[in-house]
Amino acid sequence: MKTRSIVVILILILLGGMNLHAQQAAKDKSLSLSWGVGHLKEQDLILSPMIHDGFSPVNTIIKFRSSGKLEHQAYLKFGLYHASAFDSFSYYGDSPDNVERTWPHTNFNVDINYSLGKSVFENNKLKLILGGRSRNRLLPSDNVMAPAVLFGYYISFGIDVWTQLSYSLNDKHTFTANLALPIFSFNGRSPYSWMDDFYFEDTFSHKPLKIVSEYIKGTKLESWKVSQSVDFDINYYYPISEKLDIGTSYLFSLNTNQSPKNLVSIENVLFLNLKLKF
């Protein structure tokens, strides 16, 4: 635990220093707001072999970008899904007069990331940036099993390799693609069957912040061999004024983990974007 804390502190100090340098060298800034419709498909063998999926119009991204000698981005993403392995149906409760109906699971997908990179190639049309990303991912979910509701989670904090490629077709059409792959991660997952002695110890206080801190304390360092993720997005922007761009984007996000049982989560989202330049 002490070693992990020291590593995290050093990473934060490094990113903070690089962030300060990037701010000092910044030339242009922008704030982007995105709304999208997404599809989530997930299987978590800790709980069940069933594959759950669902569509959702509740997906948002807020992204701040500053560009200069260094390129940096602060990124907040939120998605809310109601996923199910089958169509809803009615069933009897404790008597034939008590008719209940099944409900889908509820999945929350939250990403809070910071990316920092440097241009390694640039001309009048192309720009290639290489760098790193601090990834902070929270995937809590409520799983409805008839009248019972089980809470589960997957959390991941780590450092990724990050690259961005920008292409300007002309003054009016700009395309940007981002790809991030993990170097290492501190990951935490729900216990087997989601509720055991450790679960009740973590939630004993009934205080949300303390419970989350217990989950974070339970994370462990994992390499690509045990935990894999891929984040890829491609964006298109068209200027409608000197300070405002509109556009669209596509996001693909994959999370897999094999400890203690397989987890696979695949998210695809189409966004409409609004970017304010200042």
Protein backbone atom coordinates (compact mmCIF):
# COMPACT_ATOMS: atom_id res chain seq x y z
CA MET A 1 0.00 0.00 0.00
CA LYS A 2 2.82 2.43 0.84
CA THR A 3 4.60 1.67 -2.44
CA ARG A 4 1.41 2.23 -4.43
CA SER A 5 0.76 5.54 -2.68
CA ILE A 6 4.29 6.76 -3.41
CA VAL A 7 3.95 5.83 -7.09
CA VAL A 8 0.61 7.65 -7.36
CA ILE A 9 2.01 10.77 -5.64
CA LEU A 10 5.03 10.84 -7.95
CA ILE A 11 2.79 10.52 -11.00
CA LEU A 12 0.59 13.37 -9.78
CA ILE A 13 3.61 15.59 -9.13
CA LEU A 14 5.01 14.80 -12.60
CA LEU A 15 1.72 15.51 -14.32
CA GLY A 16 1.23 18.67 -12.28
CA GLY A 17 4.63 20.02 -13.27
CA MET A 18 4.10 19.18 -16.92
CA ASN A 19 0.63 20.73 -16.78
CA LEU A 20 2.04 23.98 -15.40
CA HIS A 21 4.63 24.10 -18.17
CA ALA A 22 1.93 23.44 -20.75
CA GLN A 23 -0.22 26.27 -19.37
CA GLN A 24 2.69 28.69 -19.55
CA ALA A 25 3.33 27.76 -23.19
CA ALA A 26 -0.33 27.63 -24.25
CA LYS A 27 -1.33 29.54 -27.41
CA ASP A 28 -4.95 28.58 -28.04
CA LYS A 29 -7.66 27.03 -25.90
CA SER A 30 -11.06 25.47 -26.46
CA LEU A 31 -13.95 24.02 -24.46
CA SER A 32 -16.03 21.25 -26.08
CA LEU A 33 -19.45 19.99 -25.04
CA SER A 34 -20.79 16.73 -26.49
CA TRP A 35 -24.04 14.79 -26.29
CA GLY A 36 -24.49 11.32 -27.74
CA VAL A 37 -26.41 8.09 -28.16
CA GLY A 38 -24.52 4.96 -27.18
CA HIS A 39 -24.67 1.19 -26.93
CA LEU A 40 -23.16 -0.84 -24.09
CA LYS A 41 -22.53 -4.59 -24.06
CA GLU A 42 -21.11 -6.22 -20.94
CA GLN A 43 -20.43 -9.62 -19.39
CA ASP A 44 -19.11 -10.04 -15.85
CA LEU A 45 -18.46 -13.66 -14.86
CA ILE A 46 -18.06 -12.63 -11.20
CA LEU A 47 -21.85 -12.32 -11.17
CA SER A 48 -23.33 -14.14 -14.15
CA PRO A 49 -22.47 -15.61 -17.57
CA MET A 50 -25.32 -13.60 -19.14
CA ILE A 51 -24.46 -10.84 -21.63
CA HIS A 52 -26.25 -7.55 -20.96
CA ASP A 53 -26.67 -4.78 -23.49
CA GLY A 54 -28.67 -1.60 -23.99
CA PHE A 55 -28.90 1.73 -25.82
CA SER A 56 -28.90 5.11 -24.10
CA PRO A 57 -29.31 8.78 -25.12
CA VAL A 58 -27.60 9.86 -21.88
CA ASN A 59 -23.95 10.32 -22.82
CA THR A 60 -22.05 13.57 -22.31
CA ILE A 61 -18.44 14.76 -22.59
CA ILE A 62 -16.85 17.99 -21.40
CA LYS A 63 -13.33 18.54 -22.74
CA PHE A 64 -10.91 21.41 -22.20
CA ARG A 65 -7.94 21.71 -24.55
CA SER A 66 -4.91 23.99 -24.51
CA SER A 67 -2.26 23.90 -27.23
CA GLY A 68 1.23 25.36 -27.34
CA LYS A 69 4.67 23.81 -27.01
CA LEU A 70 2.79 21.01 -25.26
CA GLU A 71 -0.72 19.75 -25.92
CA HIS A 72 -2.94 19.02 -22.96
CA GLN A 73 -6.55 18.00 -22.49
CA ALA A 74 -8.81 17.61 -19.46
CA TYR A 75 -11.70 15.24 -20.14
CA LEU A 76 -14.89 14.32 -18.27
CA LYS A 77 -17.28 11.71 -19.67
CA PHE A 78 -20.55 10.39 -18.24
CA GLY A 79 -22.81 7.66 -19.57
CA LEU A 80 -25.98 6.11 -18.11
CA TYR A 81 -27.27 2.78 -19.46
CA HIS A 82 -30.14 0.44 -18.65
CA ALA A 83 -28.87 -2.91 -19.88
CA SER A 84 -30.59 -6.28 -19.89
CA ALA A 85 -29.94 -9.84 -21.04
CA PHE A 86 -33.56 -10.39 -22.10
CA ASP A 87 -36.84 -8.58 -22.69
CA SER A 88 -38.81 -7.46 -19.65
CA PHE A 89 -41.49 -9.87 -18.41
CA SER A 90 -43.97 -10.21 -15.55
CA TYR A 91 -43.70 -12.77 -12.73
CA TYR A 92 -45.51 -13.69 -9.52
CA GLY A 93 -44.20 -12.40 -6.22
CA ASP A 94 -45.15 -14.06 -2.95
CA SER A 95 -48.69 -14.78 -4.25
CA PRO A 96 -50.56 -14.95 -7.58
CA ASP A 97 -52.11 -11.58 -6.75
CA ASN A 98 -48.69 -9.95 -6.42
CA VAL A 99 -47.50 -9.52 -10.00
CA GLU A 100 -44.03 -8.00 -10.43
CA ARG A 101 -42.11 -7.00 -13.51
CA THR A 102 -38.41 -7.38 -14.28
CA TRP A 103 -36.22 -4.31 -14.58
CA PRO A 104 -32.97 -3.80 -16.50
CA HIS A 105 -29.64 -3.23 -14.79
CA THR A 106 -28.31 0.31 -14.38
CA ASN A 107 -24.73 1.03 -15.48
CA PHE A 108 -22.87 4.28 -14.87
CA ASN A 109 -19.75 4.92 -16.98
CA VAL A 110 -17.57 7.78 -15.71
CA ASP A 111 -14.15 8.81 -17.06
CA ILE A 112 -12.00 11.65 -15.70
CA ASN A 113 -8.80 11.87 -17.76
CA TYR A 114 -5.90 14.22 -18.35
CA SER A 115 -3.76 13.90 -21.49
CA LEU A 116 -0.42 15.57 -22.16
CA GLY A 117 1.67 15.29 -25.30
CA LYS A 118 4.05 16.96 -27.71
CA SER A 119 3.89 17.38 -31.48
CA VAL A 120 6.41 15.10 -33.23
CA PHE A 121 5.33 15.90 -36.80
CA GLU A 122 3.48 18.87 -38.22
CA ASN A 123 2.83 20.49 -41.60
CA ASN A 124 0.01 22.57 -43.07
CA LYS A 125 -2.39 19.62 -43.06
CA LEU A 126 -1.17 16.96 -40.61
CA LYS A 127 -0.23 17.07 -36.94
CA LEU A 128 0.89 14.04 -34.90
CA ILE A 129 1.08 14.23 -31.10
CA LEU A 130 2.59 11.59 -28.82
CA GLY A 131 2.26 11.62 -25.04
CA GLY A 132 0.64 10.09 -22.00
CA ARG A 133 -2.70 10.07 -20.27
CA SER A 134 -3.78 9.85 -16.66
CA ARG A 135 -6.85 7.58 -16.76
CA ASN A 136 -9.46 7.52 -13.96
CA ARG A 137 -12.39 5.25 -14.71
CA LEU A 138 -15.42 4.42 -12.54
CA LEU A 139 -17.96 1.81 -13.66
CA PRO A 140 -20.52 1.23 -10.86
CA SER A 141 -23.73 -0.68 -11.57
CA ASP A 142 -26.95 -1.83 -9.93
CA ASN A 143 -27.98 -5.31 -11.04
CA VAL A 144 -31.63 -6.22 -10.54
CA MET A 145 -32.31 -9.88 -9.76
CA ALA A 146 -36.11 -10.09 -9.43
CA PRO A 147 -36.83 -8.20 -6.15
CA ALA A 148 -33.14 -8.10 -5.16
CA VAL A 149 -30.64 -5.45 -6.27
CA LEU A 150 -26.90 -6.16 -6.16
CA PHE A 151 -24.33 -3.38 -6.40
CA GLY A 152 -21.12 -3.96 -8.31
CA TYR A 153 -18.19 -1.88 -9.48
CA TYR A 154 -15.07 -1.77 -11.61
CA ILE A 155 -12.60 1.07 -11.05
CA SER A 156 -9.32 1.75 -12.80
CA PHE A 157 -6.59 4.35 -12.27
CA GLY A 158 -3.56 4.26 -14.50
CA ILE A 159 -1.18 5.76 -17.04
CA ASP A 160 -1.76 5.28 -20.78
CA VAL A 161 0.20 5.86 -23.95
CA TRP A 162 -1.74 8.53 -25.84
CA THR A 163 -1.49 9.64 -29.45
CA GLN A 164 -3.50 12.13 -31.49
CA LEU A 165 -3.56 12.65 -35.25
CA SER A 166 -5.16 15.78 -36.74
CA TYR A 167 -5.88 16.35 -40.43
CA SER A 168 -7.18 19.58 -41.98
CA LEU A 169 -8.81 18.99 -45.34
CA ASN A 170 -9.02 22.77 -45.74
CA ASP A 171 -9.94 25.77 -43.59
CA LYS A 172 -13.46 24.42 -43.08
CA HIS A 173 -13.05 20.69 -42.43
CA THR A 174 -10.91 19.22 -39.63
CA PHE A 175 -10.59 15.61 -38.49
CA THR A 176 -8.97 14.46 -35.23
CA ALA A 177 -8.38 10.92 -33.94
CA ASN A 178 -7.21 9.84 -30.47
CA LEU A 179 -5.92 6.45 -29.32
CA ALA A 180 -5.01 5.47 -25.73
CA LEU A 181 -3.55 2.15 -24.52
CA PRO A 182 -2.61 1.32 -20.90
CA ILE A 183 0.93 1.07 -19.57
CA PHE A 184 -0.18 0.00 -16.09
CA SER A 185 -3.32 0.27 -13.96
CA PHE A 186 -4.48 0.09 -10.37
CA ASN A 187 -7.76 -1.82 -10.67
CA GLY A 188 -10.51 -2.79 -8.26
CA ARG A 189 -13.54 -5.03 -8.80
CA SER A 190 -16.45 -6.35 -6.84
CA PRO A 191 -15.83 -9.61 -4.97
CA TYR A 192 -16.99 -12.94 -6.36
CA SER A 193 -20.82 -13.07 -6.38
CA TRP A 194 -20.58 -9.31 -5.57
CA MET A 195 -21.45 -9.66 -1.88
CA ASP A 196 -19.08 -11.31 0.63
CA ASP A 197 -17.41 -10.45 3.94
CA PHE A 198 -15.12 -7.89 2.28
CA TYR A 199 -18.11 -6.20 0.63
CA PHE A 200 -19.91 -5.76 3.94
CA GLU A 201 -16.73 -4.52 5.60
CA ASP A 202 -16.28 -1.90 2.87
CA THR A 203 -19.90 -0.70 3.14
CA PHE A 204 -20.24 -0.95 6.93
CA SER A 205 -20.00 2.84 7.45
CA HIS A 206 -22.91 3.60 5.05
CA LYS A 207 -21.06 6.80 4.13
CA PRO A 208 -20.58 7.15 0.35
CA LEU A 209 -17.17 8.85 0.42
CA LYS A 210 -15.77 6.39 2.95
CA ILE A 211 -17.14 3.46 0.96
CA VAL A 212 -15.51 4.75 -2.25
CA SER A 213 -12.21 5.23 -0.38
CA GLU A 214 -12.39 1.60 0.77
CA TYR A 215 -12.93 0.48 -2.82
CA ILE A 216 -9.90 2.52 -3.90
CA LYS A 217 -7.78 1.03 -1.10
CA GLY A 218 -8.64 -2.39 -2.50
CA THR A 219 -7.17 -1.69 -5.93
CA LYS A 220 -4.08 -3.57 -7.03
CA LEU A 221 -1.43 -3.03 -9.69
CA GLU A 222 -2.16 -4.98 -12.88
CA SER A 223 -0.34 -5.22 -16.20
CA TRP A 224 -1.64 -5.66 -19.75
CA LYS A 225 -1.59 -9.43 -19.18
CA VAL A 226 -4.47 -9.18 -16.67
CA SER A 227 -6.20 -5.92 -17.59
CA GLN A 228 -6.66 -4.48 -21.08
CA SER A 229 -8.35 -1.36 -22.36
CA VAL A 230 -8.60 0.54 -25.63
CA ASP A 231 -10.04 4.02 -26.09
CA PHE A 232 -10.39 5.31 -29.65
CA ASP A 233 -12.31 8.28 -30.98
CA ILE A 234 -12.52 10.15 -34.26
CA ASN A 235 -13.91 13.69 -34.50
CA TYR A 236 -15.02 16.04 -37.26
CA TYR A 237 -15.39 19.81 -36.81
CA TYR A 238 -16.77 22.57 -39.03
CA PRO A 239 -16.46 26.27 -38.05
CA ILE A 240 -19.65 28.34 -38.05
CA SER A 241 -17.93 31.44 -36.67
CA GLU A 242 -14.49 32.58 -35.57
CA LYS A 243 -15.11 31.30 -32.04
CA LEU A 244 -17.53 28.40 -32.53
CA ASP A 245 -17.28 24.98 -34.24
CA ILE A 246 -19.87 22.25 -34.60
CA GLY A 247 -19.14 18.61 -35.32
CA THR A 248 -19.68 14.92 -34.74
CA SER A 249 -17.59 12.16 -33.22
CA TYR A 250 -17.50 8.41 -32.68
CA LEU A 251 -16.12 6.77 -29.53
CA PHE A 252 -15.11 3.14 -29.01
CA SER A 253 -14.16 2.06 -25.49
CA LEU A 254 -13.15 -1.48 -24.50
CA ASN A 255 -12.43 -2.68 -20.94
CA THR A 256 -11.46 -6.25 -20.10
CA ASN A 257 -10.16 -7.80 -16.89
CA GLN A 258 -9.33 -11.38 -15.91
CA SER A 259 -8.99 -11.07 -12.12
CA PRO A 260 -10.61 -12.98 -10.49
CA LYS A 261 -13.02 -13.77 -13.39
CA ASN A 262 -13.45 -12.38 -16.90
CA LEU A 263 -15.03 -8.98 -17.40
CA VAL A 264 -15.72 -7.56 -20.87
CA SER A 265 -17.32 -4.16 -21.41
CA ILE A 266 -17.72 -2.63 -24.89
CA GLU A 267 -19.12 0.86 -25.46
CA ASN A 268 -19.89 2.56 -28.79
CA VAL A 269 -21.18 6.15 -28.83
CA LEU A 270 -22.05 8.69 -31.54
CA PHE A 271 -21.80 12.32 -30.40
CA LEU A 272 -22.84 15.78 -31.56
CA ASN A 273 -20.21 18.35 -30.57
CA LEU A 274 -20.06 22.05 -29.87
CA LYS A 275 -16.62 23.66 -29.45
CA LEU A 276 -15.98 27.16 -28.12
CA LYS A 277 -12.55 28.58 -29.01
CA PHE A 278 -10.90 31.32 -26.95
